[in-house]
């Protein structure tokens, strides 16, 4: 995700600083921490002089801002991270916003993760004391942060079900996580409250579908006693949203609204030709129709399914998908 940082014109603003300090200011959106300056051998008296003369201004305790730097939202987030020391990282919904996940803003209250042995007092942001494994570390737009998977787990109990599912779907679309990786991470944190919520979601089947539209349809069909295979590979390389092999019926929940490129439409037409040649019928529904007329969609699916079964249009009882579809479940405790 690209986030505007300090202006590249900082080059003319930092002639009075040593090269390493100037480099930090450029890399860190016009910010530098006191602990970084002292680690680089800058005397405390020199740091105080820079502040007194207005070359640097205090943004957070022990964190200084170049007076002429731009001030995008990411600068305040990085200031909070630097305030908490070298092992701190943006976490929670702040990390989710940095990763660009749907429904989260950089302007929300900042959330910083620090090691359990660290103490930070007098701050104006959320501080979470917890261990972060190396695999859960990331950097986004120059800000040390946790991975998208870890951020989702950390906020799982503070985010409503739909909002949490949408964030997971968005992270998957952006290739920031896979469901297997998320389940593995949650399974490796047996006493962590957020991980328990993620495991519960997997156990309930709430993540078997690819998005909210499919979930609406899954719930509506389940109320009528109909349970399709979700994301099963019915032909080599073809994974429809849902398949009902007992009626040779395919359900696609995206419709034309998500397939606007000519290449996408050509791919859909090719897939549909192969499916129809193999005896499958295809029903497509847009997200808009599923939102506005879920009952009508369910009635249509149930009716066509029964009509095809009555007409003997189903697959034989020995039919098996090339892959069984998504039904990930955490191991029994």
C-alpha atoms as a PDB file:
ATOM      1  CA  UNK A   1       0.000   0.000   0.000  1.00  0.00           C
ATOM      2  CA  UNK A   2       1.427   3.396  -0.972  1.00  0.00           C
ATOM      3  CA  UNK A   3       1.106   6.102   1.700  1.00  0.00           C
ATOM      4  CA  UNK A   4       2.530   9.566   1.168  1.00  0.00           C
ATOM      5  CA  UNK A   5       5.400  10.251   3.560  1.00  0.00           C
ATOM      6  CA  UNK A   6       7.748  13.181   4.116  1.00  0.00           C
ATOM      7  CA  UNK A   7       8.410  15.217   1.009  1.00  0.00           C
ATOM      8  CA  UNK A   8      11.399  14.236  -1.082  1.00  0.00           C
ATOM      9  CA  UNK A   9      12.420  17.909  -0.897  1.00  0.00           C
ATOM     10  CA  UNK A  10      13.715  17.206   2.624  1.00  0.00           C
ATOM     11  CA  UNK A  11      17.146  17.087   0.997  1.00  0.00           C
ATOM     12  CA  UNK A  12      17.447  20.856   1.292  1.00  0.00           C
ATOM     13  CA  UNK A  13      16.029  20.918   4.826  1.00  0.00           C
ATOM     14  CA  UNK A  14      18.599  18.772   6.626  1.00  0.00           C
ATOM     15  CA  UNK A  15      22.064  20.183   5.839  1.00  0.00           C
ATOM     16  CA  UNK A  16      22.821  20.785   9.530  1.00  0.00           C
ATOM     17  CA  UNK A  17      22.398  17.077  10.431  1.00  0.00           C
ATOM     18  CA  UNK A  18      25.001  14.297  10.145  1.00  0.00           C
ATOM     19  CA  UNK A  19      24.438  11.977   7.142  1.00  0.00           C
ATOM     20  CA  UNK A  20      22.993   9.120   9.224  1.00  0.00           C
ATOM     21  CA  UNK A  21      20.505  11.443  10.960  1.00  0.00           C
ATOM     22  CA  UNK A  22      19.509  12.998   7.635  1.00  0.00           C
ATOM     23  CA  UNK A  23      18.970   9.501   6.224  1.00  0.00           C
ATOM     24  CA  UNK A  24      16.722   8.569   9.158  1.00  0.00           C
ATOM     25  CA  UNK A  25      14.645  11.705   8.636  1.00  0.00           C
ATOM     26  CA  UNK A  26      14.173  10.839   4.966  1.00  0.00           C
ATOM     27  CA  UNK A  27      13.345   7.180   5.661  1.00  0.00           C
ATOM     28  CA  UNK A  28      10.998   7.882   8.577  1.00  0.00           C
ATOM     29  CA  UNK A  29       8.648  10.501   7.134  1.00  0.00           C
ATOM     30  CA  UNK A  30      10.590  13.388   8.695  1.00  0.00           C
ATOM     31  CA  UNK A  31      10.811  11.758  12.155  1.00  0.00           C
ATOM     32  CA  UNK A  32      13.633  10.629  14.396  1.00  0.00           C
ATOM     33  CA  UNK A  33      13.605   9.248  17.954  1.00  0.00           C
ATOM     34  CA  UNK A  34      15.908  10.401  20.716  1.00  0.00           C
ATOM     35  CA  UNK A  35      17.041   6.822  21.329  1.00  0.00           C
ATOM     36  CA  UNK A  36      18.039   6.554  17.655  1.00  0.00           C
ATOM     37  CA  UNK A  37      20.100   9.736  17.859  1.00  0.00           C
ATOM     38  CA  UNK A  38      21.860   8.619  21.038  1.00  0.00           C
ATOM     39  CA  UNK A  39      22.519   5.163  19.543  1.00  0.00           C
ATOM     40  CA  UNK A  40      24.176   6.924  16.582  1.00  0.00           C
ATOM     41  CA  UNK A  41      26.499   8.758  18.918  1.00  0.00           C
ATOM     42  CA  UNK A  42      24.826  12.179  18.826  1.00  0.00           C
ATOM     43  CA  UNK A  43      25.424  13.897  22.210  1.00  0.00           C
ATOM     44  CA  UNK A  44      22.308  14.668  24.241  1.00  0.00           C
ATOM     45  CA  UNK A  45      23.333  18.332  24.366  1.00  0.00           C
ATOM     46  CA  UNK A  46      23.386  18.467  20.555  1.00  0.00           C
ATOM     47  CA  UNK A  47      19.894  16.963  20.361  1.00  0.00           C
ATOM     48  CA  UNK A  48      18.640  19.566  22.844  1.00  0.00           C
ATOM     49  CA  UNK A  49      20.246  22.337  20.776  1.00  0.00           C
ATOM     50  CA  UNK A  50      18.494  21.160  17.594  1.00  0.00           C
ATOM     51  CA  UNK A  51      15.177  21.281  19.429  1.00  0.00           C
ATOM     52  CA  UNK A  52      15.877  24.671  21.046  1.00  0.00           C
ATOM     53  CA  UNK A  53      16.816  26.212  17.702  1.00  0.00           C
ATOM     54  CA  UNK A  54      13.698  24.854  16.028  1.00  0.00           C
ATOM     55  CA  UNK A  55      15.403  22.454  13.648  1.00  0.00           C
ATOM     56  CA  UNK A  56      13.422  19.665  15.318  1.00  0.00           C
ATOM     57  CA  UNK A  57      10.089  19.875  17.115  1.00  0.00           C
ATOM     58  CA  UNK A  58       8.657  17.434  19.656  1.00  0.00           C
ATOM     59  CA  UNK A  59       5.817  15.309  18.277  1.00  0.00           C
ATOM     60  CA  UNK A  60       5.768  12.621  20.983  1.00  0.00           C
ATOM     61  CA  UNK A  61       7.889  12.352  24.096  1.00  0.00           C
ATOM     62  CA  UNK A  62      11.358  11.510  22.803  1.00  0.00           C
ATOM     63  CA  UNK A  63      10.244  11.688  19.150  1.00  0.00           C
ATOM     64  CA  UNK A  64      11.131  14.684  16.994  1.00  0.00           C
ATOM     65  CA  UNK A  65       9.714  15.972  13.750  1.00  0.00           C
ATOM     66  CA  UNK A  66      11.588  17.979  11.150  1.00  0.00           C
ATOM     67  CA  UNK A  67       9.805  21.343  11.302  1.00  0.00           C
ATOM     68  CA  UNK A  68       9.391  21.579   7.508  1.00  0.00           C
ATOM     69  CA  UNK A  69       8.199  17.991   6.903  1.00  0.00           C
ATOM     70  CA  UNK A  70       4.765  17.139   5.611  1.00  0.00           C
ATOM     71  CA  UNK A  71       2.422  15.580   8.187  1.00  0.00           C
ATOM     72  CA  UNK A  72       0.429  12.703   6.692  1.00  0.00           C
ATOM     73  CA  UNK A  73      -1.494  10.326   9.004  1.00  0.00           C
ATOM     74  CA  UNK A  74       1.281   7.740   8.731  1.00  0.00           C
ATOM     75  CA  UNK A  75       3.666  10.178  10.454  1.00  0.00           C
ATOM     76  CA  UNK A  76       1.602  10.177  13.662  1.00  0.00           C
ATOM     77  CA  UNK A  77       1.458   6.363  13.566  1.00  0.00           C
ATOM     78  CA  UNK A  78       5.220   6.063  13.167  1.00  0.00           C
ATOM     79  CA  UNK A  79       5.718   8.614  15.964  1.00  0.00           C
ATOM     80  CA  UNK A  80       3.742   6.392  18.326  1.00  0.00           C
ATOM     81  CA  UNK A  81       5.827   3.359  17.305  1.00  0.00           C
ATOM     82  CA  UNK A  82       9.108   5.241  17.790  1.00  0.00           C
ATOM     83  CA  UNK A  83       7.865   6.541  21.151  1.00  0.00           C
ATOM     84  CA  UNK A  84       7.647   2.935  22.366  1.00  0.00           C
ATOM     85  CA  UNK A  85      11.174   1.881  21.454  1.00  0.00           C
ATOM     86  CA  UNK A  86      13.048  -0.184  18.863  1.00  0.00           C
ATOM     87  CA  UNK A  87      10.973  -3.348  19.289  1.00  0.00           C
ATOM     88  CA  UNK A  88       7.569  -1.677  18.979  1.00  0.00           C
ATOM     89  CA  UNK A  89       5.291  -2.218  15.999  1.00  0.00           C
ATOM     90  CA  UNK A  90       1.949  -0.883  14.800  1.00  0.00           C
ATOM     91  CA  UNK A  91      -0.729  -3.416  15.696  1.00  0.00           C
ATOM     92  CA  UNK A  92      -4.457  -4.035  15.847  1.00  0.00           C
ATOM     93  CA  UNK A  93      -6.684  -1.931  13.637  1.00  0.00           C
ATOM     94  CA  UNK A  94      -3.782   0.459  12.957  1.00  0.00           C
ATOM     95  CA  UNK A  95      -1.890  -2.411  11.308  1.00  0.00           C
ATOM     96  CA  UNK A  96      -5.033  -3.405   9.430  1.00  0.00           C
ATOM     97  CA  UNK A  97      -5.342   0.153   8.112  1.00  0.00           C
ATOM     98  CA  UNK A  98      -1.669   0.226   7.084  1.00  0.00           C
ATOM     99  CA  UNK A  99      -2.200  -3.017   5.167  1.00  0.00           C
ATOM    100  CA  UNK A 100      -5.124  -1.291   3.426  1.00  0.00           C
ATOM    101  CA  UNK A 101      -7.817  -3.693   4.612  1.00  0.00           C
ATOM    102  CA  UNK A 102     -11.386  -2.683   3.864  1.00  0.00           C
ATOM    103  CA  UNK A 103     -13.208  -0.823   6.626  1.00  0.00           C
ATOM    104  CA  UNK A 104     -10.171   0.536   8.529  1.00  0.00           C
ATOM    105  CA  UNK A 105      -8.823   4.087   8.559  1.00  0.00           C
ATOM    106  CA  UNK A 106      -5.400   5.512   9.375  1.00  0.00           C
ATOM    107  CA  UNK A 107      -7.196   8.184  11.384  1.00  0.00           C
ATOM    108  CA  UNK A 108      -8.483   5.747  14.041  1.00  0.00           C
ATOM    109  CA  UNK A 109      -6.937   5.695  17.523  1.00  0.00           C
ATOM    110  CA  UNK A 110      -3.390   4.429  17.183  1.00  0.00           C
ATOM    111  CA  UNK A 111      -2.534   0.928  18.394  1.00  0.00           C
ATOM    112  CA  UNK A 112       1.052  -0.099  19.186  1.00  0.00           C
ATOM    113  CA  UNK A 113       2.371  -3.541  20.157  1.00  0.00           C
ATOM    114  CA  UNK A 114       5.358  -3.759  22.535  1.00  0.00           C
ATOM    115  CA  UNK A 115       7.217  -6.685  24.162  1.00  0.00           C
ATOM    116  CA  UNK A 116       5.836  -7.879  27.541  1.00  0.00           C
ATOM    117  CA  UNK A 117       8.976  -6.689  29.350  1.00  0.00           C
ATOM    118  CA  UNK A 118       8.616  -3.101  28.075  1.00  0.00           C
ATOM    119  CA  UNK A 119       6.813  -0.330  29.940  1.00  0.00           C
ATOM    120  CA  UNK A 120       5.428   2.825  28.318  1.00  0.00           C
ATOM    121  CA  UNK A 121       3.489   5.428  30.300  1.00  0.00           C
ATOM    122  CA  UNK A 122       1.671   8.662  29.596  1.00  0.00           C
ATOM    123  CA  UNK A 123       0.741   7.883  25.995  1.00  0.00           C
ATOM    124  CA  UNK A 124      -2.360   8.888  24.037  1.00  0.00           C
ATOM    125  CA  UNK A 125      -2.732   5.638  22.134  1.00  0.00           C
ATOM    126  CA  UNK A 126      -3.468   1.962  22.785  1.00  0.00           C
ATOM    127  CA  UNK A 127      -0.505  -0.093  23.957  1.00  0.00           C
ATOM    128  CA  UNK A 128      -0.678  -3.891  23.752  1.00  0.00           C
ATOM    129  CA  UNK A 129       2.021  -5.867  25.554  1.00  0.00           C
ATOM    130  CA  UNK A 130       2.505  -9.192  23.783  1.00  0.00           C
ATOM    131  CA  UNK A 131       5.094 -11.304  22.014  1.00  0.00           C
ATOM    132  CA  UNK A 132       5.309 -11.037  18.231  1.00  0.00           C
ATOM    133  CA  UNK A 133       7.003 -13.928  16.455  1.00  0.00           C
ATOM    134  CA  UNK A 134       9.359 -13.127  13.542  1.00  0.00           C
ATOM    135  CA  UNK A 135       6.849 -14.576  11.058  1.00  0.00           C
ATOM    136  CA  UNK A 136       4.281 -12.027  12.278  1.00  0.00           C
ATOM    137  CA  UNK A 137       6.538  -9.011  11.680  1.00  0.00           C
ATOM    138  CA  UNK A 138       6.141  -6.721   8.668  1.00  0.00           C
ATOM    139  CA  UNK A 139       6.967  -3.215   7.460  1.00  0.00           C
ATOM    140  CA  UNK A 140       4.436  -1.131   5.538  1.00  0.00           C
ATOM    141  CA  UNK A 141       5.370   2.273   4.081  1.00  0.00           C
ATOM    142  CA  UNK A 142       8.365   2.449   6.405  1.00  0.00           C
ATOM    143  CA  UNK A 143       6.340   1.679   9.550  1.00  0.00           C
ATOM    144  CA  UNK A 144       7.222  -1.466  11.534  1.00  0.00           C
ATOM    145  CA  UNK A 145       3.972  -3.350  11.903  1.00  0.00           C
ATOM    146  CA  UNK A 146       2.549  -6.807  12.479  1.00  0.00           C
ATOM    147  CA  UNK A 147       1.386  -9.014   9.637  1.00  0.00           C
ATOM    148  CA  UNK A 148      -2.174  -8.835   8.371  1.00  0.00           C
ATOM    149  CA  UNK A 149      -2.894 -12.260   9.913  1.00  0.00           C
ATOM    150  CA  UNK A 150      -1.667 -11.203  13.338  1.00  0.00           C
ATOM    151  CA  UNK A 151      -3.541  -7.894  13.172  1.00  0.00           C
ATOM    152  CA  UNK A 152      -6.770  -9.740  12.365  1.00  0.00           C
ATOM    153  CA  UNK A 153      -6.282 -12.139  15.286  1.00  0.00           C
ATOM    154  CA  UNK A 154      -5.423  -9.315  17.711  1.00  0.00           C
ATOM    155  CA  UNK A 155      -8.639  -7.449  16.874  1.00  0.00           C
ATOM    156  CA  UNK A 156     -10.918 -10.465  16.419  1.00  0.00           C
ATOM    157  CA  UNK A 157     -12.833  -9.927  19.664  1.00  0.00           C
ATOM    158  CA  UNK A 158     -13.174  -6.170  19.092  1.00  0.00           C
ATOM    159  CA  UNK A 159     -14.582  -6.392  15.582  1.00  0.00           C
ATOM    160  CA  UNK A 160     -18.154  -7.372  14.704  1.00  0.00           C
ATOM    161  CA  UNK A 161     -18.538 -10.661  12.828  1.00  0.00           C
ATOM    162  CA  UNK A 162     -19.306  -9.225   9.400  1.00  0.00           C
ATOM    163  CA  UNK A 163     -16.586  -6.581   9.597  1.00  0.00           C
ATOM    164  CA  UNK A 164     -14.071  -9.239  10.634  1.00  0.00           C
ATOM    165  CA  UNK A 165     -15.071 -11.573   7.799  1.00  0.00           C
ATOM    166  CA  UNK A 166     -14.855  -8.753   5.255  1.00  0.00           C
ATOM    167  CA  UNK A 167     -11.340  -7.884   6.474  1.00  0.00           C
ATOM    168  CA  UNK A 168     -10.277 -11.521   6.104  1.00  0.00           C
ATOM    169  CA  UNK A 169     -11.772 -11.675   2.598  1.00  0.00           C
ATOM    170  CA  UNK A 170      -9.970  -8.454   1.636  1.00  0.00           C
ATOM    171  CA  UNK A 171      -6.634  -9.702   2.998  1.00  0.00           C
ATOM    172  CA  UNK A 172      -7.036 -12.895   0.957  1.00  0.00           C
ATOM    173  CA  UNK A 173      -7.791 -10.924  -2.212  1.00  0.00           C
ATOM    174  CA  UNK A 174      -4.637  -8.864  -1.630  1.00  0.00           C
ATOM    175  CA  UNK A 175      -2.579 -12.049  -1.088  1.00  0.00           C
ATOM    176  CA  UNK A 176      -1.699 -10.912   2.439  1.00  0.00           C
ATOM    177  CA  UNK A 177      -2.821 -14.206   3.940  1.00  0.00           C
ATOM    178  CA  UNK A 178      -4.344 -17.567   3.120  1.00  0.00           C
ATOM    179  CA  UNK A 179      -6.995 -19.265   5.201  1.00  0.00           C
ATOM    180  CA  UNK A 180      -4.640 -22.146   5.956  1.00  0.00           C
ATOM    181  CA  UNK A 181      -2.002 -19.718   7.228  1.00  0.00           C
ATOM    182  CA  UNK A 182      -4.577 -17.918   9.362  1.00  0.00           C
ATOM    183  CA  UNK A 183      -5.853 -21.181  10.829  1.00  0.00           C
ATOM    184  CA  UNK A 184      -2.296 -22.357  11.509  1.00  0.00           C
ATOM    185  CA  UNK A 185      -1.441 -19.119  13.304  1.00  0.00           C
ATOM    186  CA  UNK A 186      -4.642 -19.212  15.384  1.00  0.00           C
ATOM    187  CA  UNK A 187      -4.073 -22.881  16.180  1.00  0.00           C
ATOM    188  CA  UNK A 188      -0.602 -22.116  17.506  1.00  0.00           C
ATOM    189  CA  UNK A 189      -1.972 -19.620  20.066  1.00  0.00           C
ATOM    190  CA  UNK A 190      -4.171 -21.879  22.258  1.00  0.00           C
ATOM    191  CA  UNK A 191      -4.605 -19.407  25.151  1.00  0.00           C
ATOM    192  CA  UNK A 192      -5.009 -16.247  23.071  1.00  0.00           C
ATOM    193  CA  UNK A 193      -8.544 -14.812  23.107  1.00  0.00           C
ATOM    194  CA  UNK A 194      -8.447 -13.449  19.541  1.00  0.00           C
ATOM    195  CA  UNK A 195      -7.101 -16.766  18.233  1.00  0.00           C
ATOM    196  CA  UNK A 196      -9.965 -18.589  19.944  1.00  0.00           C
ATOM    197  CA  UNK A 197     -12.437 -16.371  18.066  1.00  0.00           C
ATOM    198  CA  UNK A 198     -10.763 -17.160  14.738  1.00  0.00           C
ATOM    199  CA  UNK A 199     -10.855 -20.899  15.522  1.00  0.00           C
ATOM    200  CA  UNK A 200     -14.547 -20.552  16.346  1.00  0.00           C
ATOM    201  CA  UNK A 201     -15.165 -18.929  12.959  1.00  0.00           C
ATOM    202  CA  UNK A 202     -13.458 -21.823  11.192  1.00  0.00           C
ATOM    203  CA  UNK A 203     -15.376 -24.384  13.256  1.00  0.00           C
ATOM    204  CA  UNK A 204     -18.716 -22.752  12.440  1.00  0.00           C
ATOM    205  CA  UNK A 205     -18.031 -22.828   8.690  1.00  0.00           C
ATOM    206  CA  UNK A 206     -18.221 -19.016   8.484  1.00  0.00           C
ATOM    207  CA  UNK A 207     -15.075 -18.937   6.319  1.00  0.00           C
ATOM    208  CA  UNK A 208     -16.011 -21.721   3.892  1.00  0.00           C
ATOM    209  CA  UNK A 209     -17.218 -19.178   1.330  1.00  0.00           C
ATOM    210  CA  UNK A 210     -15.242 -16.522  -0.571  1.00  0.00           C
ATOM    211  CA  UNK A 211     -17.211 -13.479   0.577  1.00  0.00           C
ATOM    212  CA  UNK A 212     -20.307 -12.045   2.215  1.00  0.00           C
ATOM    213  CA  UNK A 213     -22.544 -12.585  -0.808  1.00  0.00           C
ATOM    214  CA  UNK A 214     -21.758 -16.301  -0.801  1.00  0.00           C
ATOM    215  CA  UNK A 215     -22.348 -16.451   2.954  1.00  0.00           C
ATOM    216  CA  UNK A 216     -25.786 -14.895   2.618  1.00  0.00           C
ATOM    217  CA  UNK A 217     -26.654 -17.509   0.031  1.00  0.00           C
ATOM    218  CA  UNK A 218     -25.169 -20.331   2.135  1.00  0.00           C
ATOM    219  CA  UNK A 219     -27.273 -19.337   5.152  1.00  0.00           C
ATOM    220  CA  UNK A 220     -30.434 -18.998   3.048  1.00  0.00           C
ATOM    221  CA  UNK A 221     -29.929 -22.403   1.438  1.00  0.00           C
ATOM    222  CA  UNK A 222     -29.065 -24.063   4.767  1.00  0.00           C
ATOM    223  CA  UNK A 223     -32.415 -22.891   6.153  1.00  0.00           C
ATOM    224  CA  UNK A 224     -34.022 -24.866   3.306  1.00  0.00           C
ATOM    225  CA  UNK A 225     -31.860 -27.936   3.959  1.00  0.00           C
ATOM    226  CA  UNK A 226     -29.623 -27.446   0.916  1.00  0.00           C
ATOM    227  CA  UNK A 227     -25.827 -27.576   1.359  1.00  0.00           C
ATOM    228  CA  UNK A 228     -23.729 -27.017  -1.812  1.00  0.00           C
ATOM    229  CA  UNK A 229     -20.025 -27.762  -2.164  1.00  0.00           C
ATOM    230  CA  UNK A 230     -18.157 -24.446  -1.885  1.00  0.00           C
ATOM    231  CA  UNK A 231     -15.054 -23.856  -4.037  1.00  0.00           C
ATOM    232  CA  UNK A 232     -14.783 -27.505  -5.106  1.00  0.00           C
ATOM    233  CA  UNK A 233     -12.780 -28.293  -8.257  1.00  0.00           C
ATOM    234  CA  UNK A 234     -15.455 -29.834 -10.469  1.00  0.00           C
ATOM    235  CA  UNK A 235     -13.319 -29.924 -13.633  1.00  0.00           C
ATOM    236  CA  UNK A 236      -9.530 -29.520 -14.024  1.00  0.00           C
ATOM    237  CA  UNK A 237      -8.705 -25.953 -13.016  1.00  0.00           C
ATOM    238  CA  UNK A 238     -12.350 -24.905 -12.575  1.00  0.00           C
ATOM    239  CA  UNK A 239     -13.470 -23.906  -9.071  1.00  0.00           C
ATOM    240  CA  UNK A 240     -17.000 -22.446  -9.138  1.00  0.00           C
ATOM    241  CA  UNK A 241     -18.348 -20.632  -6.096  1.00  0.00           C
ATOM    242  CA  UNK A 242     -20.738 -23.482  -5.324  1.00  0.00           C
ATOM    243  CA  UNK A 243     -21.661 -26.797  -6.913  1.00  0.00           C
ATOM    244  CA  UNK A 244     -24.667 -29.082  -6.483  1.00  0.00           C
ATOM    245  CA  UNK A 245     -23.544 -32.322  -8.117  1.00  0.00           C
ATOM    246  CA  UNK A 246     -26.846 -34.033  -7.278  1.00  0.00           C
ATOM    247  CA  UNK A 247     -28.464 -31.662  -9.799  1.00  0.00           C
ATOM    248  CA  UNK A 248     -25.457 -30.773 -12.021  1.00  0.00           C
ATOM    249  CA  UNK A 249     -26.026 -27.173 -10.922  1.00  0.00           C
ATOM    250  CA  UNK A 250     -23.371 -24.463 -10.521  1.00  0.00           C
ATOM    251  CA  UNK A 251     -23.891 -21.230  -8.536  1.00  0.00           C
ATOM    252  CA  UNK A 252     -21.800 -18.106  -9.161  1.00  0.00           C
ATOM    253  CA  UNK A 253     -22.321 -15.170  -6.816  1.00  0.00           C
ATOM    254  CA  UNK A 254     -20.283 -12.435  -8.480  1.00  0.00           C
ATOM    255  CA  UNK A 255     -22.344 -11.687 -11.581  1.00  0.00           C
ATOM    256  CA  UNK A 256     -21.130  -9.199 -14.160  1.00  0.00           C
ATOM    257  CA  UNK A 257     -20.373  -6.448 -11.640  1.00  0.00           C
ATOM    258  CA  UNK A 258     -17.007  -7.974 -10.680  1.00  0.00           C
ATOM    259  CA  UNK A 259     -16.042  -9.210 -14.142  1.00  0.00           C
ATOM    260  CA  UNK A 260     -15.814  -6.106 -16.285  1.00  0.00           C
ATOM    261  CA  UNK A 261     -12.510  -6.655 -18.094  1.00  0.00           C
ATOM    262  CA  UNK A 262     -12.732  -8.287 -21.505  1.00  0.00           C
ATOM    263  CA  UNK A 263     -10.178 -10.887 -20.385  1.00  0.00           C
ATOM    264  CA  UNK A 264     -12.345 -11.758 -17.368  1.00  0.00           C
ATOM    265  CA  UNK A 265     -15.432 -12.131 -19.538  1.00  0.00           C
ATOM    266  CA  UNK A 266     -13.567 -14.298 -22.028  1.00  0.00           C
ATOM    267  CA  UNK A 267     -12.329 -16.525 -19.199  1.00  0.00           C
ATOM    268  CA  UNK A 268     -15.862 -16.815 -17.774  1.00  0.00           C
ATOM    269  CA  UNK A 269     -17.239 -17.734 -21.216  1.00  0.00           C
ATOM    270  CA  UNK A 270     -14.573 -20.398 -21.667  1.00  0.00           C
ATOM    271  CA  UNK A 271     -15.272 -21.862 -18.240  1.00  0.00           C
ATOM    272  CA  UNK A 272     -19.005 -21.883 -18.837  1.00  0.00           C
ATOM    273  CA  UNK A 273     -18.568 -23.640 -22.182  1.00  0.00           C
ATOM    274  CA  UNK A 274     -16.590 -26.434 -20.529  1.00  0.00           C
ATOM    275  CA  UNK A 275     -19.079 -26.764 -17.679  1.00  0.00           C
ATOM    276  CA  UNK A 276     -22.114 -26.839 -19.965  1.00  0.00           C
ATOM    277  CA  UNK A 277     -20.417 -29.393 -22.218  1.00  0.00           C
ATOM    278  CA  UNK A 278     -20.050 -31.587 -19.146  1.00  0.00           C
ATOM    279  CA  UNK A 279     -23.753 -31.270 -18.357  1.00  0.00           C
ATOM    280  CA  UNK A 280     -23.712 -28.514 -15.737  1.00  0.00           C
ATOM    281  CA  UNK A 281     -26.281 -25.700 -15.596  1.00  0.00           C
ATOM    282  CA  UNK A 282     -25.041 -22.327 -14.287  1.00  0.00           C
ATOM    283  CA  UNK A 283     -26.923 -19.749 -12.256  1.00  0.00           C
ATOM    284  CA  UNK A 284     -25.297 -16.333 -11.684  1.00  0.00           C
ATOM    285  CA  UNK A 285     -26.334 -13.808  -9.055  1.00  0.00           C
ATOM    286  CA  UNK A 286     -24.998 -10.329  -8.388  1.00  0.00           C
ATOM    287  CA  UNK A 287     -24.254  -9.149  -4.890  1.00  0.00           C
ATOM    288  CA  UNK A 288     -26.893  -6.461  -5.354  1.00  0.00           C
ATOM    289  CA  UNK A 289     -29.615  -9.008  -6.050  1.00  0.00           C
ATOM    290  CA  UNK A 290     -28.522 -11.192  -3.139  1.00  0.00           C
ATOM    291  CA  UNK A 291     -28.795  -8.206  -0.820  1.00  0.00           C
ATOM    292  CA  UNK A 292     -32.172  -7.084  -2.126  1.00  0.00           C
ATOM    293  CA  UNK A 293     -33.884 -10.394  -2.864  1.00  0.00           C
ATOM    294  CA  UNK A 294     -32.158 -13.221  -1.012  1.00  0.00           C
ATOM    295  CA  UNK A 295     -35.419 -15.118  -0.524  1.00  0.00           C
ATOM    296  CA  UNK A 296     -36.181 -14.936  -4.238  1.00  0.00           C
ATOM    297  CA  UNK A 297     -32.695 -16.183  -5.114  1.00  0.00           C
ATOM    298  CA  UNK A 298     -32.978 -19.087  -2.671  1.00  0.00           C
ATOM    299  CA  UNK A 299     -36.410 -19.993  -4.049  1.00  0.00           C
ATOM    300  CA  UNK A 300     -35.024 -19.993  -7.589  1.00  0.00           C
ATOM    301  CA  UNK A 301     -32.048 -22.192  -6.658  1.00  0.00           C
ATOM    302  CA  UNK A 302     -34.150 -24.680  -4.683  1.00  0.00           C
ATOM    303  CA  UNK A 303     -36.744 -24.862  -7.448  1.00  0.00           C
ATOM    304  CA  UNK A 304     -34.221 -25.428 -10.247  1.00  0.00           C
ATOM    305  CA  UNK A 305     -32.308 -27.964  -8.151  1.00  0.00           C
ATOM    306  CA  UNK A 306     -35.446 -30.016  -7.591  1.00  0.00           C
ATOM    307  CA  UNK A 307     -36.505 -29.734 -11.237  1.00  0.00           C
ATOM    308  CA  UNK A 308     -33.153 -31.081 -12.420  1.00  0.00           C
ATOM    309  CA  UNK A 309     -33.181 -33.897  -9.879  1.00  0.00           C
ATOM    310  CA  UNK A 310     -36.714 -34.867 -10.963  1.00  0.00           C
ATOM    311  CA  UNK A 311     -35.578 -34.821 -14.594  1.00  0.00           C
ATOM    312  CA  UNK A 312     -32.643 -37.124 -13.823  1.00  0.00           C
ATOM    313  CA  UNK A 313     -30.070 -34.442 -14.658  1.00  0.00           C
ATOM    314  CA  UNK A 314     -27.836 -35.111 -11.656  1.00  0.00           C
ATOM    315  CA  UNK A 315     -24.439 -36.747 -11.498  1.00  0.00           C
ATOM    316  CA  UNK A 316     -24.213 -40.447 -10.584  1.00  0.00           C
ATOM    317  CA  UNK A 317     -23.837 -41.364  -6.923  1.00  0.00           C
ATOM    318  CA  UNK A 318     -20.223 -42.390  -7.544  1.00  0.00           C
ATOM    319  CA  UNK A 319     -19.238 -38.886  -8.698  1.00  0.00           C
ATOM    320  CA  UNK A 320     -16.478 -37.199  -6.688  1.00  0.00           C
ATOM    321  CA  UNK A 321     -14.994 -33.717  -7.124  1.00  0.00           C
ATOM    322  CA  UNK A 322     -11.356 -33.401  -8.155  1.00  0.00           C
ATOM    323  CA  UNK A 323     -10.848 -31.559  -4.847  1.00  0.00           C
ATOM    324  CA  UNK A 324     -13.447 -31.512  -2.063  1.00  0.00           C
ATOM    325  CA  UNK A 325     -13.810 -27.752  -1.675  1.00  0.00           C
ATOM    326  CA  UNK A 326     -13.136 -25.473   1.240  1.00  0.00           C
ATOM    327  CA  UNK A 327     -13.982 -26.864   4.598  1.00  0.00           C
ATOM    328  CA  UNK A 328     -11.056 -26.013   6.839  1.00  0.00           C
ATOM    329  CA  UNK A 329     -11.466 -26.990  10.460  1.00  0.00           C
ATOM    330  CA  UNK A 330      -9.047 -26.547  13.351  1.00  0.00           C
ATOM    331  CA  UNK A 331      -7.790 -29.758  14.991  1.00  0.00           C
ATOM    332  CA  UNK A 332      -9.727 -31.010  17.985  1.00  0.00           C
ATOM    333  CA  UNK A 333      -8.451 -29.572  21.267  1.00  0.00           C
END
